[in-house]
């Protein structure tokens, strides 16, 4: 009798397990790709063995990075039925990932047409590129939220990793141009002077800024620095800027001749043009030697980026030798890499092929 009861209980448990299995059975289907590019970088696929950037949920849809057939990073939106590729805000290399939902918008890293990392903001309808605080490489690392404030790793103009803070509160300061920074003055052979500078603002809200110079530079949303070729009899120019979402235009009179001081001294100085060479090129290993001539005694910053603009490695040399040579690390995968060599007055770049 006990044996019969044990068998009956066992049959009852098996039957219940079968019912549970049928109850929780699921169907897995693949969402069609919108076009024949790479799959979402937020998901693992045959070409990617580890998920790099997680997708985010925003206003009822899933958003993730997508590499299109033109090898441009795009923001993809999945509404539960279909995938839509959103248009990029400029002609740059596109979104590089690290998206996060913050202050009722998606923030993510974006490589613009000037090869600079910017923060892109998407409010559900429109994109805007936030201006960088200096002429650095930009936001190239983590994005994190602490106490209702967004923080990012930022690579400044001296290749130092800094902590950048993006506040949620709207600025109470009026949008204005309050000055310029990074001024460089260089006389030209045609009698003009090449004046390079970056405008400084107050009252920034994170929306895009359109900058212009009266009679010298048409409106542009590029973040700067800007270079003007000016005659000495035109010692002051009027800078203008308009921030998206604000009604008034900011203006500032920039007396470049006063800021530069005497240009005659600069004209008598001889600028030695630096030359750079990769040894070997193409290269089969994980590193490449870069030889620099003409930069003896100067500060040199070496930077290596991938073909899509991802930072790979960097090196800072405070005082270079007359014939400088350094070994730089390349990425793990074969392909094209850009090596950028910068001094305080010059920038040179070359392409390195890793086989």
Protein backbone atom coordinates (compact mmCIF):
# COMPACT_ATOMS: atom_id res chain seq x y z
CA UNK A 1 0.00 0.00 0.00
CA UNK A 2 2.83 2.43 0.91
CA UNK A 3 4.55 1.61 -2.40
CA UNK A 4 1.37 2.46 -4.33
CA UNK A 5 1.03 5.78 -2.47
CA UNK A 6 4.63 6.71 -3.21
CA UNK A 7 4.10 6.01 -6.91
CA UNK A 8 0.90 8.06 -6.92
CA UNK A 9 2.59 11.05 -5.26
CA UNK A 10 5.51 10.82 -7.73
CA UNK A 11 3.15 10.78 -10.72
CA UNK A 12 1.31 13.80 -9.31
CA UNK A 13 4.56 15.78 -8.93
CA UNK A 14 5.67 14.91 -12.48
CA UNK A 15 2.32 16.06 -13.84
CA UNK A 16 2.58 19.37 -11.97
CA UNK A 17 6.11 19.95 -13.26
CA UNK A 18 4.96 19.37 -16.83
CA UNK A 19 2.12 21.87 -16.38
CA UNK A 20 4.53 24.46 -14.94
CA UNK A 21 6.94 23.97 -17.87
CA UNK A 22 4.14 24.55 -20.37
CA UNK A 23 2.93 27.58 -18.40
CA UNK A 24 6.34 29.31 -18.55
CA UNK A 25 7.30 28.31 -22.08
CA UNK A 26 8.47 31.38 -24.06
CA UNK A 27 8.98 32.20 -27.73
CA UNK A 28 12.21 33.97 -28.70
CA UNK A 29 12.30 36.02 -31.89
CA UNK A 30 14.90 38.34 -33.42
CA UNK A 31 13.88 41.91 -34.13
CA UNK A 32 14.70 42.76 -37.77
CA UNK A 33 17.61 45.13 -38.30
CA UNK A 34 16.68 48.45 -39.81
CA UNK A 35 19.55 48.19 -42.31
CA UNK A 36 22.56 45.99 -42.86
CA UNK A 37 24.94 47.59 -40.41
CA UNK A 38 26.49 46.18 -37.27
CA UNK A 39 24.14 45.11 -34.51
CA UNK A 40 23.42 47.19 -31.46
CA UNK A 41 26.49 47.78 -29.36
CA UNK A 42 24.30 47.37 -26.28
CA UNK A 43 23.75 43.68 -27.10
CA UNK A 44 26.14 40.78 -27.56
CA UNK A 45 26.44 39.36 -31.06
CA UNK A 46 28.86 37.28 -33.12
CA UNK A 47 31.19 40.24 -33.58
CA UNK A 48 31.10 41.43 -30.00
CA UNK A 49 31.81 39.09 -27.09
CA UNK A 50 31.03 41.48 -24.26
CA UNK A 51 28.33 44.09 -23.95
CA UNK A 52 30.01 47.50 -24.03
CA UNK A 53 27.18 49.94 -23.32
CA UNK A 54 23.83 48.97 -21.86
CA UNK A 55 20.66 50.23 -23.59
CA UNK A 56 18.46 52.69 -21.72
CA UNK A 57 14.70 53.01 -21.39
CA UNK A 58 13.37 56.51 -22.04
CA UNK A 59 9.74 57.61 -22.43
CA UNK A 60 8.53 54.08 -23.10
CA UNK A 61 11.13 53.13 -25.73
CA UNK A 62 14.49 51.37 -25.68
CA UNK A 63 17.51 53.30 -26.97
CA UNK A 64 20.90 51.86 -27.90
CA UNK A 65 23.97 52.59 -30.01
CA UNK A 66 23.96 51.34 -33.61
CA UNK A 67 26.73 51.34 -36.22
CA UNK A 68 25.31 51.96 -39.68
CA UNK A 69 26.79 50.79 -43.03
CA UNK A 70 28.72 54.08 -43.29
CA UNK A 71 30.46 53.15 -40.02
CA UNK A 72 28.83 56.08 -38.21
CA UNK A 73 27.51 55.73 -34.68
CA UNK A 74 23.76 56.28 -34.50
CA UNK A 75 21.16 56.28 -31.73
CA UNK A 76 18.60 53.54 -32.37
CA UNK A 77 15.07 53.67 -30.95
CA UNK A 78 12.97 50.51 -30.44
CA UNK A 79 9.33 51.21 -29.57
CA UNK A 80 8.35 47.58 -28.97
CA UNK A 81 7.57 46.91 -32.62
CA UNK A 82 10.22 48.37 -34.91
CA UNK A 83 13.66 49.98 -34.87
CA UNK A 84 14.27 53.57 -36.02
CA UNK A 85 17.69 55.14 -36.59
CA UNK A 86 17.64 58.75 -35.44
CA UNK A 87 19.47 61.39 -37.52
CA UNK A 88 22.79 62.63 -36.14
CA UNK A 89 23.10 66.31 -35.16
CA UNK A 90 26.10 66.92 -37.46
CA UNK A 91 28.38 65.23 -40.02
CA UNK A 92 30.74 63.81 -37.39
CA UNK A 93 31.66 60.22 -36.64
CA UNK A 94 28.60 59.87 -34.47
CA UNK A 95 27.61 58.36 -31.18
CA UNK A 96 30.21 56.36 -29.29
CA UNK A 97 27.97 55.06 -26.49
CA UNK A 98 27.84 55.47 -22.73
CA UNK A 99 24.24 56.66 -22.79
CA UNK A 100 22.43 57.60 -19.58
CA UNK A 101 18.99 59.03 -18.74
CA UNK A 102 19.29 62.26 -16.78
CA UNK A 103 17.08 65.30 -16.19
CA UNK A 104 14.34 64.04 -18.57
CA UNK A 105 16.75 63.48 -21.45
CA UNK A 106 19.29 60.98 -22.81
CA UNK A 107 22.93 62.06 -22.55
CA UNK A 108 25.62 60.15 -24.43
CA UNK A 109 29.06 60.63 -25.92
CA UNK A 110 29.35 61.89 -29.47
CA UNK A 111 32.35 62.35 -31.79
CA UNK A 112 31.74 65.49 -33.84
CA UNK A 113 33.02 66.56 -37.25
CA UNK A 114 36.12 68.11 -35.63
CA UNK A 115 37.05 64.75 -34.07
CA UNK A 116 36.17 66.05 -30.59
CA UNK A 117 34.19 64.15 -27.96
CA UNK A 118 31.05 66.07 -27.04
CA UNK A 119 28.05 65.33 -24.85
CA UNK A 120 24.91 64.90 -26.94
CA UNK A 121 21.49 65.54 -25.39
CA UNK A 122 18.28 64.00 -26.76
CA UNK A 123 14.98 65.14 -25.23
CA UNK A 124 12.81 62.69 -27.16
CA UNK A 125 12.45 64.96 -30.19
CA UNK A 126 15.64 66.93 -30.83
CA UNK A 127 19.41 66.53 -30.45
CA UNK A 128 21.78 69.17 -29.18
CA UNK A 129 25.57 69.05 -28.76
CA UNK A 130 26.85 70.60 -25.53
CA UNK A 131 29.87 72.91 -25.89
CA UNK A 132 33.07 71.69 -24.27
CA UNK A 133 34.64 73.92 -21.58
CA UNK A 134 38.03 74.04 -23.32
CA UNK A 135 39.87 72.87 -26.42
CA UNK A 136 40.43 69.39 -25.01
CA UNK A 137 39.59 65.97 -26.36
CA UNK A 138 36.34 66.05 -24.46
CA UNK A 139 34.11 63.55 -22.69
CA UNK A 140 35.69 60.14 -23.30
CA UNK A 141 34.86 58.07 -20.22
CA UNK A 142 32.14 57.25 -17.74
CA UNK A 143 28.86 59.06 -17.16
CA UNK A 144 27.44 58.88 -13.63
CA UNK A 145 24.78 60.64 -11.55
CA UNK A 146 25.32 61.80 -7.96
CA UNK A 147 22.91 64.05 -6.03
CA UNK A 148 20.97 65.03 -9.15
CA UNK A 149 24.15 66.06 -10.93
CA UNK A 150 25.71 64.44 -13.98
CA UNK A 151 29.46 63.77 -13.93
CA UNK A 152 31.75 62.72 -16.76
CA UNK A 153 35.40 61.91 -17.29
CA UNK A 154 36.88 64.69 -19.39
CA UNK A 155 40.20 64.77 -21.24
CA UNK A 156 41.42 68.37 -21.26
CA UNK A 157 43.74 70.20 -23.65
CA UNK A 158 46.80 68.96 -21.73
CA UNK A 159 45.62 65.33 -21.96
CA UNK A 160 44.81 65.27 -18.26
CA UNK A 161 41.76 63.28 -17.16
CA UNK A 162 39.42 65.61 -15.27
CA UNK A 163 36.04 65.28 -13.59
CA UNK A 164 33.41 67.34 -15.44
CA UNK A 165 30.20 68.40 -13.71
CA UNK A 166 26.93 69.01 -15.55
CA UNK A 167 24.34 70.53 -13.22
CA UNK A 168 20.61 69.83 -13.52
CA UNK A 169 19.54 73.27 -12.41
CA UNK A 170 18.99 75.90 -15.05
CA UNK A 171 21.49 78.71 -14.84
CA UNK A 172 20.09 82.00 -13.52
CA UNK A 173 22.88 83.93 -15.23
CA UNK A 174 22.08 85.68 -18.47
CA UNK A 175 23.64 84.11 -21.53
CA UNK A 176 26.60 86.28 -22.50
CA UNK A 177 30.09 86.28 -23.97
CA UNK A 178 32.36 87.38 -21.13
CA UNK A 179 35.78 87.09 -22.76
CA UNK A 180 38.10 84.88 -24.79
CA UNK A 181 40.79 82.34 -23.93
CA UNK A 182 43.55 80.42 -25.70
CA UNK A 183 44.62 83.46 -27.71
CA UNK A 184 47.29 82.82 -30.33
CA UNK A 185 48.65 85.50 -32.69
CA UNK A 186 50.71 84.72 -35.77
CA UNK A 187 51.64 87.22 -38.53
CA UNK A 188 51.11 85.95 -42.09
CA UNK A 189 53.10 86.66 -45.26
CA UNK A 190 50.16 88.52 -46.87
CA UNK A 191 50.14 91.20 -44.16
CA UNK A 192 47.32 89.63 -42.18
CA UNK A 193 47.46 88.16 -38.70
CA UNK A 194 46.09 84.70 -37.84
CA UNK A 195 44.23 85.16 -34.55
CA UNK A 196 43.05 82.00 -32.79
CA UNK A 197 40.79 82.13 -29.73
CA UNK A 198 37.94 80.45 -27.87
CA UNK A 199 35.00 82.53 -26.56
CA UNK A 200 33.99 82.19 -22.91
CA UNK A 201 30.30 82.16 -21.96
CA UNK A 202 28.05 82.50 -18.94
CA UNK A 203 24.47 81.25 -18.68
CA UNK A 204 24.99 78.05 -20.65
CA UNK A 205 22.01 75.70 -20.39
CA UNK A 206 23.37 72.74 -22.34
CA UNK A 207 21.62 73.74 -25.59
CA UNK A 208 23.60 74.34 -28.77
CA UNK A 209 25.35 77.70 -29.29
CA UNK A 210 25.65 79.40 -32.68
CA UNK A 211 28.72 81.63 -32.91
CA UNK A 212 29.71 84.26 -35.48
CA UNK A 213 32.03 87.23 -35.98
CA UNK A 214 30.65 90.28 -37.75
CA UNK A 215 32.02 90.53 -41.31
CA UNK A 216 34.59 87.80 -40.58
CA UNK A 217 32.97 84.46 -39.69
CA UNK A 218 29.49 83.22 -40.69
CA UNK A 219 27.29 81.52 -38.05
CA UNK A 220 28.57 78.11 -36.94
CA UNK A 221 27.77 75.60 -34.20
CA UNK A 222 31.36 74.29 -34.12
CA UNK A 223 32.70 74.64 -30.55
CA UNK A 224 35.95 76.42 -31.40
CA UNK A 225 38.69 77.44 -31.19
CA UNK A 226 38.20 79.83 -34.10
CA UNK A 227 40.83 81.39 -36.35
CA UNK A 228 40.44 84.76 -38.09
CA UNK A 229 42.82 86.31 -40.61
CA UNK A 230 42.82 90.05 -39.83
CA UNK A 231 44.68 93.14 -40.97
CA UNK A 232 46.34 95.28 -38.30
CA UNK A 233 44.14 98.29 -39.19
CA UNK A 234 41.14 96.26 -37.94
CA UNK A 235 42.16 95.95 -34.27
CA UNK A 236 38.76 94.97 -32.85
CA UNK A 237 36.03 92.60 -34.02
CA UNK A 238 32.53 91.93 -32.69
CA UNK A 239 31.80 88.41 -31.51
CA UNK A 240 28.18 87.26 -31.51
CA UNK A 241 26.48 84.16 -30.16
CA UNK A 242 22.96 82.86 -29.77
CA UNK A 243 21.99 79.94 -27.53
CA UNK A 244 19.14 77.66 -28.56
CA UNK A 245 16.14 78.37 -26.36
CA UNK A 246 17.13 81.98 -25.59
CA UNK A 247 15.76 85.02 -27.39
CA UNK A 248 18.58 87.54 -27.06
CA UNK A 249 21.86 87.53 -28.98
CA UNK A 250 25.06 87.99 -26.97
CA UNK A 251 27.85 90.22 -28.29
CA UNK A 252 31.38 91.08 -27.23
CA UNK A 253 33.99 93.43 -28.70
CA UNK A 254 37.31 91.59 -28.91
CA UNK A 255 40.34 93.88 -29.21
CA UNK A 256 42.71 91.27 -30.55
CA UNK A 257 45.56 93.71 -31.16
CA UNK A 258 45.57 94.77 -27.52
CA UNK A 259 45.36 91.11 -26.39
CA UNK A 260 48.17 89.98 -28.62
CA UNK A 261 50.47 92.86 -27.72
CA UNK A 262 53.29 93.66 -30.12
CA UNK A 263 53.15 91.38 -33.15
CA UNK A 264 56.55 92.52 -34.39
CA UNK A 265 58.36 90.31 -31.88
CA UNK A 266 56.37 87.30 -32.98
CA UNK A 267 57.16 88.10 -36.60
CA UNK A 268 60.90 87.91 -35.99
CA UNK A 269 60.73 84.51 -34.29
CA UNK A 270 61.44 81.52 -36.50
CA UNK A 271 59.05 78.61 -36.12
CA UNK A 272 60.69 75.24 -36.73
CA UNK A 273 58.18 72.92 -38.35
CA UNK A 274 58.04 69.55 -36.63
CA UNK A 275 58.19 66.33 -38.63
CA UNK A 276 56.80 63.01 -37.44
CA UNK A 277 57.32 59.48 -38.73
CA UNK A 278 55.98 56.05 -37.71
CA UNK A 279 58.49 53.18 -37.52
CA UNK A 280 57.50 50.72 -38.93
CA UNK A 281 54.34 51.44 -40.88
CA UNK A 282 52.45 49.15 -41.44
CA UNK A 283 53.06 47.46 -38.09
CA UNK A 284 52.17 43.94 -36.98
CA UNK A 285 52.63 44.23 -33.22
CA UNK A 286 50.80 46.01 -30.41
CA UNK A 287 53.00 49.13 -30.48
CA UNK A 288 54.51 51.60 -32.91
CA UNK A 289 57.52 53.90 -32.56
CA UNK A 290 56.93 57.57 -33.38
CA UNK A 291 59.92 59.71 -34.29
CA UNK A 292 59.62 63.51 -33.91
CA UNK A 293 62.12 66.05 -35.21
CA UNK A 294 62.07 69.81 -34.69
CA UNK A 295 60.49 69.87 -31.23
CA UNK A 296 63.59 69.79 -29.03
CA UNK A 297 63.03 71.28 -25.59
CA UNK A 298 59.27 71.58 -26.09
CA UNK A 299 56.25 69.94 -24.47
CA UNK A 300 54.90 67.12 -26.64
CA UNK A 301 51.59 65.31 -26.25
CA UNK A 302 51.15 62.03 -28.14
CA UNK A 303 47.65 60.67 -28.69
CA UNK A 304 46.46 57.52 -30.47
CA UNK A 305 42.84 57.10 -31.55
CA UNK A 306 41.05 54.46 -33.57
CA UNK A 307 39.65 55.12 -37.04
CA UNK A 308 36.31 55.98 -35.43
CA UNK A 309 37.92 58.32 -32.94
CA UNK A 310 38.04 56.17 -29.80
CA UNK A 311 41.02 57.10 -27.59
CA UNK A 312 43.57 54.25 -27.38
CA UNK A 313 46.62 55.64 -25.60
CA UNK A 314 48.37 58.90 -24.79
CA UNK A 315 51.75 60.09 -23.58
CA UNK A 316 53.00 63.45 -22.30
CA UNK A 317 56.68 64.46 -22.59
CA UNK A 318 57.52 67.67 -20.75
CA UNK A 319 60.81 68.37 -22.56
CA UNK A 320 61.46 66.56 -25.82
CA UNK A 321 64.87 65.62 -27.22
CA UNK A 322 66.06 67.09 -30.51
CA UNK A 323 65.43 63.69 -32.11
CA UNK A 324 62.51 62.44 -30.04
CA UNK A 325 61.33 58.83 -30.25
CA UNK A 326 58.57 57.22 -28.21
CA UNK A 327 56.74 53.88 -28.27
CA UNK A 328 52.94 54.16 -28.34
CA UNK A 329 50.34 51.46 -27.73
CA UNK A 330 47.85 50.60 -30.47
CA UNK A 331 44.51 48.82 -30.16
CA UNK A 332 44.03 45.07 -30.05
CA UNK A 333 42.39 44.75 -33.46
CA UNK A 334 43.95 45.23 -36.91
CA UNK A 335 42.97 48.38 -38.74
CA UNK A 336 43.74 52.07 -39.11
CA UNK A 337 44.88 54.25 -36.21
CA UNK A 338 45.51 57.99 -36.05
CA UNK A 339 48.58 59.27 -34.18
CA UNK A 340 48.38 62.93 -33.17
CA UNK A 341 51.50 64.80 -32.01
CA UNK A 342 50.92 68.22 -30.43
CA UNK A 343 53.22 70.98 -29.18
CA UNK A 344 52.11 74.35 -27.84
CA UNK A 345 52.23 75.80 -31.37
CA UNK A 346 51.77 72.93 -33.80
CA UNK A 347 49.72 69.78 -34.35
CA UNK A 348 50.70 66.97 -36.71
CA UNK A 349 48.91 63.69 -37.39
CA UNK A 350 49.65 60.55 -39.35
CA UNK A 351 47.92 57.27 -40.12
CA UNK A 352 49.29 53.96 -38.86
CA UNK A 353 48.13 50.65 -40.31
CA UNK A 354 48.07 47.65 -37.97
CA UNK A 355 48.08 44.37 -39.87
